[in-house]
Amino acid sequence: MGFKNTMMHDRLPLYNQFNEATHLYCNAHLMRDLQSLCEQNYTWAIRLLRAYRQLYRMSKVQAIDDRFKVKINHWFDNIIIEALKKEPAPKLNINNGKPSKTESRNLLAFFQKNREQVLAFAFDKSMPFSNNLAEQAFRHVKTKMKVIGGFRLIEGAKTYARCQAVMDTWLKRGQSAYENLKIALDIWQTSPKYA
């Protein structure tokens, strides 16, 4: 599909069509899935969620040293392997004859297959823990559409999206949106096109 950079997303299969991209998985989404299983008293999910939180706290301070990477990966694999042993075997689906897996078994299989992408945040400071910042940027548009019922013209929607993207970028970089907006307006006013 042409996209060759790193993308972080939830487990929606639609993203798999970007086969040239490097895929990372949003740990906030995965933690919500684990939390759901914790509420159903899955002991492996409780253990994994606690460890996830600890790993996140540790990685916020600094990237975890390579000496510990092998131990953490081994620990992660052990939790998954133990949990898979305790999970009931998939039952055959009457309609299509294929084994139907439970939500918990699907999540375990996902963790087992994608451990490197799931834990990338812990070993590389440039990798985010979640894609929440990207999702938060879209929430402004959704709120705006709820308040005004939608944009009347596509040009208005594009202008709003462009302005919002610039403002979000300034804020994410720790810059003053007010000061940058003043500079942008000064440049715009002194531009020969508008003078």
N, C-alpha and C. Protein backbone atom coordinates (compact mmCIF):
# COMPACT_ATOMS: atom_id res chain seq x y z
N MET A 1 0.83 -1.21 0.00
CA MET A 1 0.00 0.00 0.00
C MET A 1 0.86 1.26 0.00
N GLY A 2 2.18 1.13 0.08
CA GLY A 2 3.04 2.30 -0.05
C GLY A 2 3.54 2.89 1.26
N PHE A 3 2.85 2.70 2.37
CA PHE A 3 3.29 3.27 3.64
C PHE A 3 4.41 2.39 4.21
N LYS A 4 5.59 3.00 4.45
CA LYS A 4 6.75 2.20 4.86
C LYS A 4 7.29 2.58 6.22
N ASN A 5 6.64 3.49 6.91
CA ASN A 5 7.12 3.93 8.22
C ASN A 5 6.55 3.03 9.32
N THR A 6 6.73 3.47 10.56
CA THR A 6 6.19 2.74 11.70
C THR A 6 4.79 3.25 11.98
N MET A 7 3.85 2.35 12.16
CA MET A 7 2.48 2.74 12.52
C MET A 7 2.07 2.02 13.79
N MET A 8 1.40 2.77 14.67
CA MET A 8 0.90 2.17 15.90
C MET A 8 -0.62 2.17 15.84
N HIS A 9 -1.21 1.04 16.18
CA HIS A 9 -2.65 0.90 16.06
C HIS A 9 -3.17 -0.19 16.98
N ASP A 10 -4.48 -0.34 16.98
CA ASP A 10 -5.07 -1.45 17.73
C ASP A 10 -4.99 -2.70 16.87
N ARG A 11 -5.67 -3.75 17.23
CA ARG A 11 -5.53 -5.04 16.52
C ARG A 11 -6.47 -5.19 15.34
N LEU A 12 -7.01 -4.11 14.85
CA LEU A 12 -7.94 -4.17 13.72
C LEU A 12 -7.23 -4.76 12.50
N PRO A 13 -7.75 -5.85 11.92
CA PRO A 13 -7.07 -6.52 10.80
C PRO A 13 -6.87 -5.62 9.57
N LEU A 14 -7.65 -4.59 9.44
CA LEU A 14 -7.55 -3.67 8.31
C LEU A 14 -6.13 -3.13 8.14
N TYR A 15 -5.42 -2.92 9.24
CA TYR A 15 -4.06 -2.36 9.16
C TYR A 15 -3.05 -3.33 8.57
N ASN A 16 -3.38 -4.62 8.53
CA ASN A 16 -2.44 -5.61 8.01
C ASN A 16 -2.16 -5.45 6.52
N GLN A 17 -3.03 -4.71 5.82
CA GLN A 17 -2.80 -4.50 4.39
C GLN A 17 -1.58 -3.59 4.15
N PHE A 18 -1.12 -2.89 5.18
CA PHE A 18 0.09 -2.07 5.06
C PHE A 18 1.29 -2.99 5.36
N ASN A 19 1.57 -3.88 4.42
CA ASN A 19 2.56 -4.92 4.68
C ASN A 19 4.01 -4.43 4.61
N GLU A 20 4.25 -3.22 4.12
CA GLU A 20 5.61 -2.68 4.09
C GLU A 20 5.91 -1.85 5.35
N ALA A 21 4.91 -1.60 6.16
CA ALA A 21 5.09 -0.79 7.36
C ALA A 21 5.58 -1.64 8.52
N THR A 22 6.19 -0.97 9.49
CA THR A 22 6.53 -1.62 10.76
C THR A 22 5.35 -1.39 11.68
N HIS A 23 4.79 -2.46 12.23
CA HIS A 23 3.59 -2.36 13.04
C HIS A 23 3.94 -2.43 14.53
N LEU A 24 3.42 -1.47 15.28
CA LEU A 24 3.46 -1.51 16.73
C LEU A 24 2.02 -1.50 17.20
N TYR A 25 1.79 -2.02 18.39
CA TYR A 25 0.42 -2.12 18.87
C TYR A 25 0.21 -1.23 20.08
N CYS A 26 -0.92 -0.55 20.10
CA CYS A 26 -1.24 0.39 21.17
C CYS A 26 -1.44 -0.38 22.47
N ASN A 27 -0.57 -0.11 23.42
CA ASN A 27 -0.64 -0.82 24.69
C ASN A 27 -1.81 -0.38 25.55
N ALA A 28 -2.31 0.83 25.33
CA ALA A 28 -3.50 1.26 26.07
C ALA A 28 -4.69 0.38 25.66
N HIS A 29 -4.81 0.08 24.37
CA HIS A 29 -5.88 -0.81 23.91
C HIS A 29 -5.69 -2.21 24.50
N LEU A 30 -4.46 -2.70 24.48
CA LEU A 30 -4.19 -4.05 25.00
C LEU A 30 -4.46 -4.12 26.50
N MET A 31 -4.13 -3.05 27.22
CA MET A 31 -4.40 -3.04 28.67
C MET A 31 -5.90 -3.03 28.95
N ARG A 32 -6.67 -2.37 28.10
CA ARG A 32 -8.13 -2.41 28.27
C ARG A 32 -8.65 -3.83 28.05
N ASP A 33 -8.09 -4.52 27.05
CA ASP A 33 -8.49 -5.91 26.80
C ASP A 33 -8.12 -6.79 28.00
N LEU A 34 -6.93 -6.57 28.57
CA LEU A 34 -6.51 -7.33 29.75
C LEU A 34 -7.40 -7.01 30.94
N GLN A 35 -7.74 -5.73 31.11
CA GLN A 35 -8.61 -5.32 32.22
C GLN A 35 -9.95 -6.04 32.15
N SER A 36 -10.48 -6.16 30.95
CA SER A 36 -11.74 -6.87 30.76
C SER A 36 -11.63 -8.32 31.23
N LEU A 37 -10.51 -8.97 30.92
CA LEU A 37 -10.30 -10.35 31.36
C LEU A 37 -10.04 -10.42 32.87
N CYS A 38 -9.41 -9.39 33.41
CA CYS A 38 -9.19 -9.34 34.87
C CYS A 38 -10.53 -9.32 35.61
N GLU A 39 -11.47 -8.58 35.05
CA GLU A 39 -12.80 -8.49 35.66
C GLU A 39 -13.53 -9.82 35.60
N GLN A 40 -13.08 -10.71 34.70
CA GLN A 40 -13.66 -12.06 34.61
C GLN A 40 -12.80 -13.07 35.38
N ASN A 41 -11.87 -12.56 36.20
CA ASN A 41 -11.02 -13.36 37.09
C ASN A 41 -10.05 -14.30 36.38
N TYR A 42 -9.49 -13.87 35.28
CA TYR A 42 -8.41 -14.62 34.64
C TYR A 42 -7.12 -14.26 35.37
N THR A 43 -6.54 -15.21 36.08
CA THR A 43 -5.34 -14.90 36.90
C THR A 43 -4.15 -14.50 36.04
N TRP A 44 -4.00 -15.10 34.86
CA TRP A 44 -2.88 -14.73 34.00
C TRP A 44 -3.02 -13.29 33.54
N ALA A 45 -4.23 -12.84 33.30
CA ALA A 45 -4.45 -11.46 32.85
C ALA A 45 -4.10 -10.48 33.97
N ILE A 46 -4.43 -10.85 35.21
CA ILE A 46 -4.10 -10.01 36.36
C ILE A 46 -2.57 -9.89 36.48
N ARG A 47 -1.87 -11.04 36.38
CA ARG A 47 -0.41 -11.03 36.46
C ARG A 47 0.20 -10.19 35.34
N LEU A 48 -0.29 -10.38 34.13
CA LEU A 48 0.25 -9.68 32.99
C LEU A 48 -0.02 -8.18 33.07
N LEU A 49 -1.20 -7.80 33.51
CA LEU A 49 -1.54 -6.39 33.64
C LEU A 49 -0.66 -5.70 34.68
N ARG A 50 -0.46 -6.36 35.82
CA ARG A 50 0.43 -5.79 36.86
C ARG A 50 1.84 -5.60 36.31
N ALA A 51 2.33 -6.60 35.63
CA ALA A 51 3.69 -6.53 35.09
C ALA A 51 3.79 -5.47 34.00
N TYR A 52 2.77 -5.36 33.20
CA TYR A 52 2.70 -4.34 32.15
C TYR A 52 2.85 -2.95 32.77
N ARG A 53 2.08 -2.72 33.81
CA ARG A 53 2.11 -1.41 34.49
C ARG A 53 3.50 -1.13 35.06
N GLN A 54 4.12 -2.16 35.66
CA GLN A 54 5.46 -2.00 36.21
C GLN A 54 6.47 -1.69 35.11
N LEU A 55 6.37 -2.40 34.02
CA LEU A 55 7.27 -2.19 32.88
C LEU A 55 7.09 -0.78 32.32
N TYR A 56 5.86 -0.32 32.26
CA TYR A 56 5.57 1.04 31.77
C TYR A 56 6.21 2.08 32.69
N ARG A 57 6.05 1.91 34.00
CA ARG A 57 6.65 2.86 34.96
C ARG A 57 8.17 2.88 34.83
N MET A 58 8.75 1.68 34.70
CA MET A 58 10.21 1.59 34.56
C MET A 58 10.69 2.26 33.27
N SER A 59 9.97 2.06 32.18
CA SER A 59 10.39 2.59 30.89
C SER A 59 10.21 4.10 30.79
N LYS A 60 9.34 4.67 31.63
CA LYS A 60 9.16 6.13 31.62
C LYS A 60 10.41 6.82 32.15
N VAL A 61 11.11 6.16 33.06
CA VAL A 61 12.33 6.73 33.64
C VAL A 61 13.46 6.66 32.60
N GLN A 62 13.66 5.48 32.02
CA GLN A 62 14.67 5.30 30.98
C GLN A 62 14.40 3.99 30.24
N ALA A 63 14.95 3.89 29.04
CA ALA A 63 14.79 2.64 28.29
C ALA A 63 15.47 1.52 29.08
N ILE A 64 14.84 0.38 29.08
CA ILE A 64 15.35 -0.74 29.87
C ILE A 64 16.59 -1.32 29.18
N ASP A 65 17.61 -1.55 29.98
CA ASP A 65 18.89 -2.03 29.51
C ASP A 65 18.75 -3.38 28.81
N ASP A 66 19.59 -3.61 27.78
CA ASP A 66 19.54 -4.86 27.03
C ASP A 66 19.79 -6.09 27.90
N ARG A 67 20.50 -5.91 29.01
CA ARG A 67 20.75 -7.06 29.91
C ARG A 67 19.44 -7.63 30.44
N PHE A 68 18.46 -6.76 30.63
CA PHE A 68 17.18 -7.20 31.18
C PHE A 68 16.19 -7.61 30.11
N LYS A 69 16.49 -7.28 28.86
CA LYS A 69 15.56 -7.59 27.77
C LYS A 69 15.28 -9.08 27.69
N VAL A 70 16.33 -9.90 27.77
CA VAL A 70 16.17 -11.35 27.68
C VAL A 70 15.30 -11.84 28.84
N LYS A 71 15.55 -11.34 30.05
CA LYS A 71 14.77 -11.75 31.22
C LYS A 71 13.30 -11.37 31.07
N ILE A 72 13.05 -10.13 30.62
CA ILE A 72 11.67 -9.66 30.46
C ILE A 72 10.95 -10.46 29.39
N ASN A 73 11.62 -10.71 28.26
CA ASN A 73 11.00 -11.52 27.20
C ASN A 73 10.70 -12.93 27.68
N HIS A 74 11.62 -13.51 28.45
CA HIS A 74 11.43 -14.85 29.00
C HIS A 74 10.25 -14.87 29.97
N TRP A 75 10.20 -13.87 30.83
CA TRP A 75 9.10 -13.76 31.79
C TRP A 75 7.76 -13.63 31.07
N PHE A 76 7.72 -12.77 30.03
CA PHE A 76 6.51 -12.54 29.25
C PHE A 76 6.07 -13.85 28.59
N ASP A 77 7.02 -14.54 27.96
CA ASP A 77 6.71 -15.82 27.29
C ASP A 77 6.17 -16.85 28.28
N ASN A 78 6.76 -16.91 29.48
CA ASN A 78 6.32 -17.88 30.49
C ASN A 78 4.87 -17.65 30.90
N ILE A 79 4.50 -16.39 31.11
CA ILE A 79 3.11 -16.09 31.47
C ILE A 79 2.17 -16.57 30.37
N ILE A 80 2.52 -16.30 29.11
CA ILE A 80 1.68 -16.67 27.98
C ILE A 80 1.58 -18.19 27.86
N ILE A 81 2.71 -18.88 27.95
CA ILE A 81 2.72 -20.35 27.82
C ILE A 81 1.90 -21.00 28.93
N GLU A 82 2.08 -20.54 30.18
CA GLU A 82 1.30 -21.07 31.31
C GLU A 82 -0.19 -20.84 31.10
N ALA A 83 -0.53 -19.65 30.64
CA ALA A 83 -1.94 -19.31 30.44
C ALA A 83 -2.56 -20.16 29.33
N LEU A 84 -1.80 -20.38 28.25
CA LEU A 84 -2.33 -21.20 27.15
C LEU A 84 -2.60 -22.64 27.60
N LYS A 85 -1.78 -23.15 28.52
CA LYS A 85 -2.01 -24.50 29.05
C LYS A 85 -3.31 -24.59 29.84
N LYS A 86 -3.66 -23.50 30.53
CA LYS A 86 -4.86 -23.49 31.37
C LYS A 86 -6.13 -23.16 30.58
N GLU A 87 -5.97 -22.56 29.41
CA GLU A 87 -7.13 -22.20 28.60
C GLU A 87 -7.80 -23.45 28.04
N PRO A 88 -9.13 -23.45 28.00
CA PRO A 88 -9.80 -24.61 27.39
C PRO A 88 -9.49 -24.68 25.89
N ALA A 89 -9.42 -25.90 25.39
CA ALA A 89 -9.15 -26.09 23.96
C ALA A 89 -10.28 -25.50 23.13
N PRO A 90 -9.96 -24.98 21.94
CA PRO A 90 -11.02 -24.42 21.09
C PRO A 90 -12.05 -25.48 20.71
N LYS A 91 -13.32 -25.08 20.71
CA LYS A 91 -14.39 -26.01 20.32
C LYS A 91 -14.69 -25.83 18.84
N LEU A 92 -15.13 -26.91 18.23
CA LEU A 92 -15.46 -26.83 16.81
C LEU A 92 -16.76 -26.06 16.62
N ASN A 93 -16.74 -25.15 15.66
CA ASN A 93 -17.92 -24.39 15.31
C ASN A 93 -18.84 -25.27 14.48
N ILE A 94 -20.09 -25.38 14.87
CA ILE A 94 -21.05 -26.25 14.19
C ILE A 94 -21.28 -25.81 12.75
N ASN A 95 -21.29 -24.48 12.53
CA ASN A 95 -21.61 -23.94 11.21
C ASN A 95 -20.52 -24.19 10.16
N ASN A 96 -19.26 -23.94 10.53
CA ASN A 96 -18.21 -24.06 9.51
C ASN A 96 -17.18 -25.15 9.80
N GLY A 97 -17.28 -25.82 10.93
CA GLY A 97 -16.37 -26.91 11.26
C GLY A 97 -14.98 -26.47 11.71
N LYS A 98 -14.76 -25.15 11.84
CA LYS A 98 -13.45 -24.64 12.27
C LYS A 98 -13.47 -24.45 13.79
N PRO A 99 -12.30 -24.55 14.41
CA PRO A 99 -12.26 -24.32 15.86
C PRO A 99 -12.53 -22.84 16.18
N SER A 100 -13.42 -22.59 17.14
CA SER A 100 -13.71 -21.21 17.54
C SER A 100 -12.97 -20.93 18.85
N LYS A 101 -12.14 -19.91 18.82
CA LYS A 101 -11.32 -19.58 19.98
C LYS A 101 -12.04 -18.56 20.85
N THR A 102 -11.71 -18.59 22.14
CA THR A 102 -12.27 -17.64 23.07
C THR A 102 -11.52 -16.31 22.95
N GLU A 103 -12.11 -15.27 23.50
CA GLU A 103 -11.47 -13.95 23.51
C GLU A 103 -10.11 -14.02 24.20
N SER A 104 -10.05 -14.76 25.31
CA SER A 104 -8.80 -14.86 26.05
C SER A 104 -7.73 -15.61 25.26
N ARG A 105 -8.11 -16.69 24.59
CA ARG A 105 -7.14 -17.46 23.80
C ARG A 105 -6.64 -16.62 22.61
N ASN A 106 -7.53 -15.86 22.00
CA ASN A 106 -7.12 -14.98 20.89
C ASN A 106 -6.11 -13.94 21.35
N LEU A 107 -6.35 -13.36 22.53
CA LEU A 107 -5.43 -12.36 23.06
C LEU A 107 -4.07 -12.98 23.39
N LEU A 108 -4.09 -14.17 23.97
CA LEU A 108 -2.84 -14.86 24.28
C LEU A 108 -2.05 -15.17 23.01
N ALA A 109 -2.74 -15.65 21.99
CA ALA A 109 -2.08 -15.95 20.72
C ALA A 109 -1.49 -14.68 20.11
N PHE A 110 -2.21 -13.58 20.25
CA PHE A 110 -1.72 -12.30 19.74
C PHE A 110 -0.44 -11.89 20.47
N PHE A 111 -0.46 -11.98 21.80
CA PHE A 111 0.73 -11.63 22.59
C PHE A 111 1.92 -12.52 22.21
N GLN A 112 1.64 -13.79 22.03
CA GLN A 112 2.71 -14.74 21.71
C GLN A 112 3.33 -14.41 20.35
N LYS A 113 2.51 -14.09 19.39
CA LYS A 113 2.99 -13.81 18.03
C LYS A 113 3.67 -12.44 17.91
N ASN A 114 3.23 -11.46 18.71
CA ASN A 114 3.66 -10.07 18.52
C ASN A 114 4.41 -9.48 19.72
N ARG A 115 5.10 -10.32 20.47
CA ARG A 115 5.78 -9.84 21.68
C ARG A 115 6.72 -8.67 21.40
N GLU A 116 7.53 -8.76 20.35
CA GLU A 116 8.51 -7.71 20.05
C GLU A 116 7.83 -6.36 19.82
N GLN A 117 6.74 -6.37 19.05
CA GLN A 117 6.03 -5.12 18.74
C GLN A 117 5.30 -4.58 19.96
N VAL A 118 4.79 -5.48 20.79
CA VAL A 118 4.04 -5.06 21.98
C VAL A 118 4.98 -4.43 23.01
N LEU A 119 6.16 -5.00 23.18
CA LEU A 119 7.10 -4.52 24.21
C LEU A 119 8.13 -3.52 23.68
N ALA A 120 8.00 -3.07 22.45
CA ALA A 120 8.98 -2.15 21.85
C ALA A 120 9.16 -0.89 22.69
N PHE A 121 8.08 -0.40 23.30
CA PHE A 121 8.15 0.83 24.10
C PHE A 121 9.15 0.73 25.24
N ALA A 122 9.35 -0.48 25.78
CA ALA A 122 10.19 -0.65 26.96
C ALA A 122 11.67 -0.57 26.63
N PHE A 123 12.04 -0.92 25.41
CA PHE A 123 13.45 -1.03 25.06
C PHE A 123 13.95 0.08 24.14
N ASP A 124 13.03 0.89 23.65
CA ASP A 124 13.41 1.98 22.74
C ASP A 124 12.61 3.22 23.11
N LYS A 125 13.30 4.24 23.61
CA LYS A 125 12.62 5.46 24.09
C LYS A 125 11.89 6.19 22.97
N SER A 126 12.26 5.95 21.71
CA SER A 126 11.58 6.64 20.61
C SER A 126 10.22 6.02 20.29
N MET A 127 9.94 4.85 20.86
CA MET A 127 8.67 4.17 20.60
C MET A 127 7.66 4.54 21.68
N PRO A 128 6.49 5.02 21.29
CA PRO A 128 5.49 5.40 22.30
C PRO A 128 4.83 4.16 22.91
N PHE A 129 4.22 4.36 24.06
CA PHE A 129 3.49 3.29 24.73
C PHE A 129 2.14 3.06 24.05
N SER A 130 1.52 4.15 23.63
CA SER A 130 0.19 4.04 23.02
C SER A 130 0.03 5.07 21.91
N ASN A 131 -1.07 4.97 21.19
CA ASN A 131 -1.37 5.97 20.16
C ASN A 131 -2.43 6.95 20.66
N ASN A 132 -2.54 7.11 21.96
CA ASN A 132 -3.56 8.00 22.53
C ASN A 132 -3.42 9.44 22.06
N LEU A 133 -2.17 9.92 21.90
CA LEU A 133 -1.99 11.30 21.43
C LEU A 133 -2.62 11.49 20.06
N ALA A 134 -2.43 10.52 19.18
CA ALA A 134 -3.01 10.62 17.84
C ALA A 134 -4.53 10.58 17.91
N GLU A 135 -5.06 9.72 18.76
CA GLU A 135 -6.52 9.63 18.88
C GLU A 135 -7.11 10.89 19.50
N GLN A 136 -6.39 11.49 20.44
CA GLN A 136 -6.87 12.71 21.07
C GLN A 136 -6.99 13.84 20.05
N ALA A 137 -6.11 13.86 19.06
CA ALA A 137 -6.16 14.90 18.03
C ALA A 137 -7.47 14.81 17.24
N PHE A 138 -8.00 13.61 17.06
CA PHE A 138 -9.26 13.46 16.33
C PHE A 138 -10.47 13.85 17.17
N ARG A 139 -10.34 13.78 18.47
CA ARG A 139 -11.48 14.08 19.34
C ARG A 139 -11.97 15.51 19.19
N HIS A 140 -11.06 16.44 18.89
CA HIS A 140 -11.47 17.84 18.69
C HIS A 140 -12.48 17.94 17.55
N VAL A 141 -12.19 17.24 16.47
CA VAL A 141 -13.07 17.28 15.29
C VAL A 141 -14.42 16.69 15.64
N LYS A 142 -14.42 15.56 16.35
CA LYS A 142 -15.69 14.92 16.73
C LYS A 142 -16.52 15.84 17.62
N THR A 143 -15.85 16.49 18.57
CA THR A 143 -16.56 17.42 19.46
C THR A 143 -17.13 18.58 18.66
N LYS A 144 -16.32 19.13 17.77
CA LYS A 144 -16.76 20.26 16.93
C LYS A 144 -17.98 19.86 16.11
N MET A 145 -17.95 18.66 15.54
CA MET A 145 -19.08 18.21 14.72
C MET A 145 -20.34 18.01 15.55
N LYS A 146 -20.17 17.55 16.80
CA LYS A 146 -21.34 17.39 17.68
C LYS A 146 -21.94 18.74 18.03
N VAL A 147 -21.07 19.72 18.26
CA VAL A 147 -21.54 21.04 18.68
C VAL A 147 -22.25 21.76 17.54
N ILE A 148 -21.63 21.75 16.35
CA ILE A 148 -22.22 22.50 15.25
C ILE A 148 -22.97 21.63 14.25
N GLY A 149 -22.96 20.33 14.46
CA GLY A 149 -23.71 19.42 13.60
C GLY A 149 -23.00 19.07 12.31
N GLY A 150 -21.78 19.53 12.14
CA GLY A 150 -21.01 19.23 10.93
C GLY A 150 -20.53 20.51 10.28
N PHE A 151 -19.66 20.38 9.31
CA PHE A 151 -19.15 21.54 8.59
C PHE A 151 -20.00 21.76 7.35
N ARG A 152 -20.28 23.01 7.03
CA ARG A 152 -21.12 23.30 5.86
C ARG A 152 -20.40 23.04 4.55
N LEU A 153 -19.10 23.40 4.52
CA LEU A 153 -18.32 23.20 3.30
C LEU A 153 -17.08 22.37 3.62
N ILE A 154 -16.64 21.60 2.63
CA ILE A 154 -15.46 20.77 2.81
C ILE A 154 -14.23 21.63 3.06
N GLU A 155 -14.19 22.83 2.45
CA GLU A 155 -13.06 23.74 2.65
C GLU A 155 -12.96 24.17 4.11
N GLY A 156 -14.11 24.41 4.73
CA GLY A 156 -14.11 24.79 6.16
C GLY A 156 -13.57 23.66 7.03
N ALA A 157 -13.95 22.43 6.70
CA ALA A 157 -13.47 21.26 7.45
C ALA A 157 -11.96 21.10 7.27
N LYS A 158 -11.47 21.30 6.04
CA LYS A 158 -10.03 21.18 5.77
C LYS A 158 -9.25 22.26 6.52
N THR A 159 -9.76 23.48 6.50
CA THR A 159 -9.09 24.59 7.20
C THR A 159 -9.04 24.31 8.70
N TYR A 160 -10.16 23.86 9.24
CA TYR A 160 -10.20 23.54 10.67
C TYR A 160 -9.19 22.44 11.02
N ALA A 161 -9.14 21.39 10.20
CA ALA A 161 -8.23 20.28 10.45
C ALA A 161 -6.77 20.74 10.38
N ARG A 162 -6.46 21.59 9.41
CA ARG A 162 -5.10 22.10 9.26
C ARG A 162 -4.70 22.93 10.49
N CYS A 163 -5.58 23.83 10.90
CA CYS A 163 -5.30 24.67 12.08
C CYS A 163 -5.14 23.82 13.34
N GLN A 164 -6.02 22.85 13.50
CA GLN A 164 -5.96 21.98 14.68
C GLN A 164 -4.67 21.16 14.69
N ALA A 165 -4.25 20.68 13.52
CA ALA A 165 -3.01 19.90 13.43
C ALA A 165 -1.80 20.74 13.82
N VAL A 166 -1.77 21.98 13.36
CA VAL A 166 -0.65 22.87 13.69
C VAL A 166 -0.63 23.16 15.19
N MET A 167 -1.79 23.47 15.77
CA MET A 167 -1.88 23.76 17.20
C MET A 167 -1.45 22.55 18.04
N ASP A 168 -1.94 21.37 17.66
CA ASP A 168 -1.57 20.15 18.38
C ASP A 168 -0.07 19.89 18.31
N THR A 169 0.52 20.13 17.15
CA THR A 169 1.97 19.93 16.98
C THR A 169 2.74 20.87 17.90
N TRP A 170 2.35 22.12 17.96
CA TRP A 170 3.02 23.07 18.86
C TRP A 170 2.94 22.59 20.30
N LEU A 171 1.74 22.19 20.71
CA LEU A 171 1.55 21.76 22.09
C LEU A 171 2.36 20.50 22.41
N LYS A 172 2.40 19.55 21.48
CA LYS A 172 3.16 18.32 21.70
C LYS A 172 4.65 18.57 21.78
N ARG A 173 5.11 19.63 21.12
CA ARG A 173 6.53 19.99 21.17
C ARG A 173 6.85 20.91 22.34
N GLY A 174 5.85 21.20 23.17
CA GLY A 174 6.07 22.03 24.34
C GLY A 174 6.21 23.51 24.00
N GLN A 175 5.71 23.91 22.85
CA GLN A 175 5.80 25.31 22.44
C GLN A 175 4.49 26.03 22.77
N SER A 176 4.60 27.33 22.93
CA SER A 176 3.42 28.14 23.23
C SER A 176 2.60 28.34 21.96
N ALA A 177 1.39 27.85 21.97
CA ALA A 177 0.51 28.03 20.81
C ALA A 177 0.22 29.51 20.59
N TYR A 178 0.07 30.26 21.69
CA TYR A 178 -0.22 31.70 21.60
C TYR A 178 0.93 32.44 20.93
N GLU A 179 2.17 32.19 21.40
CA GLU A 179 3.34 32.87 20.84
C GLU A 179 3.54 32.50 19.37
N ASN A 180 3.40 31.23 19.03
CA ASN A 180 3.57 30.80 17.65
C ASN A 180 2.48 31.37 16.75
N LEU A 181 1.27 31.48 17.27
CA LEU A 181 0.18 32.06 16.50
C LEU A 181 0.44 33.54 16.23
N LYS A 182 0.98 34.25 17.24
CA LYS A 182 1.33 35.66 17.04
C LYS A 182 2.38 35.81 15.93
N ILE A 183 3.39 34.96 15.96
CA ILE A 183 4.44 35.00 14.93
C ILE A 183 3.84 34.71 13.56
N ALA A 184 3.00 33.70 13.47
CA ALA A 184 2.38 33.33 12.19
C ALA A 184 1.53 34.47 11.66
N LEU A 185 0.77 35.14 12.53
CA LEU A 185 -0.08 36.25 12.08
C LEU A 185 0.75 37.45 11.65
N ASP A 186 1.86 37.70 12.36
CA ASP A 186 2.76 38.80 11.96
C ASP A 186 3.33 38.53 10.57
N ILE A 187 3.74 37.30 10.32
CA ILE A 187 4.29 36.95 9.00
C ILE A 187 3.21 37.10 7.94
N TRP A 188 2.02 36.64 8.27
CA TRP A 188 0.91 36.70 7.31
C TRP A 188 0.57 38.15 6.97
N GLN A 189 0.55 39.04 7.99
CA GLN A 189 0.20 40.45 7.77
C GLN A 189 1.26 41.18 6.96
N THR A 190 2.52 40.81 7.11
CA THR A 190 3.59 41.51 6.39
C THR A 190 3.89 40.85 5.06
N SER A 191 3.20 39.79 4.73
CA SER A 191 3.40 39.12 3.45
C SER A 191 2.98 40.05 2.32
N PRO A 192 3.78 40.14 1.25
CA PRO A 192 3.43 41.03 0.12
C PRO A 192 2.07 40.75 -0.48
N LYS A 193 1.65 39.49 -0.39
CA LYS A 193 0.36 39.11 -0.96
C LYS A 193 -0.80 39.82 -0.26
N TYR A 194 -0.64 40.10 1.06
CA TYR A 194 -1.74 40.69 1.83
C TYR A 194 -1.47 42.15 2.22
N ALA A 195 -0.29 42.67 1.92
CA ALA A 195 0.05 44.04 2.35
C ALA A 195 -0.69 45.07 1.53
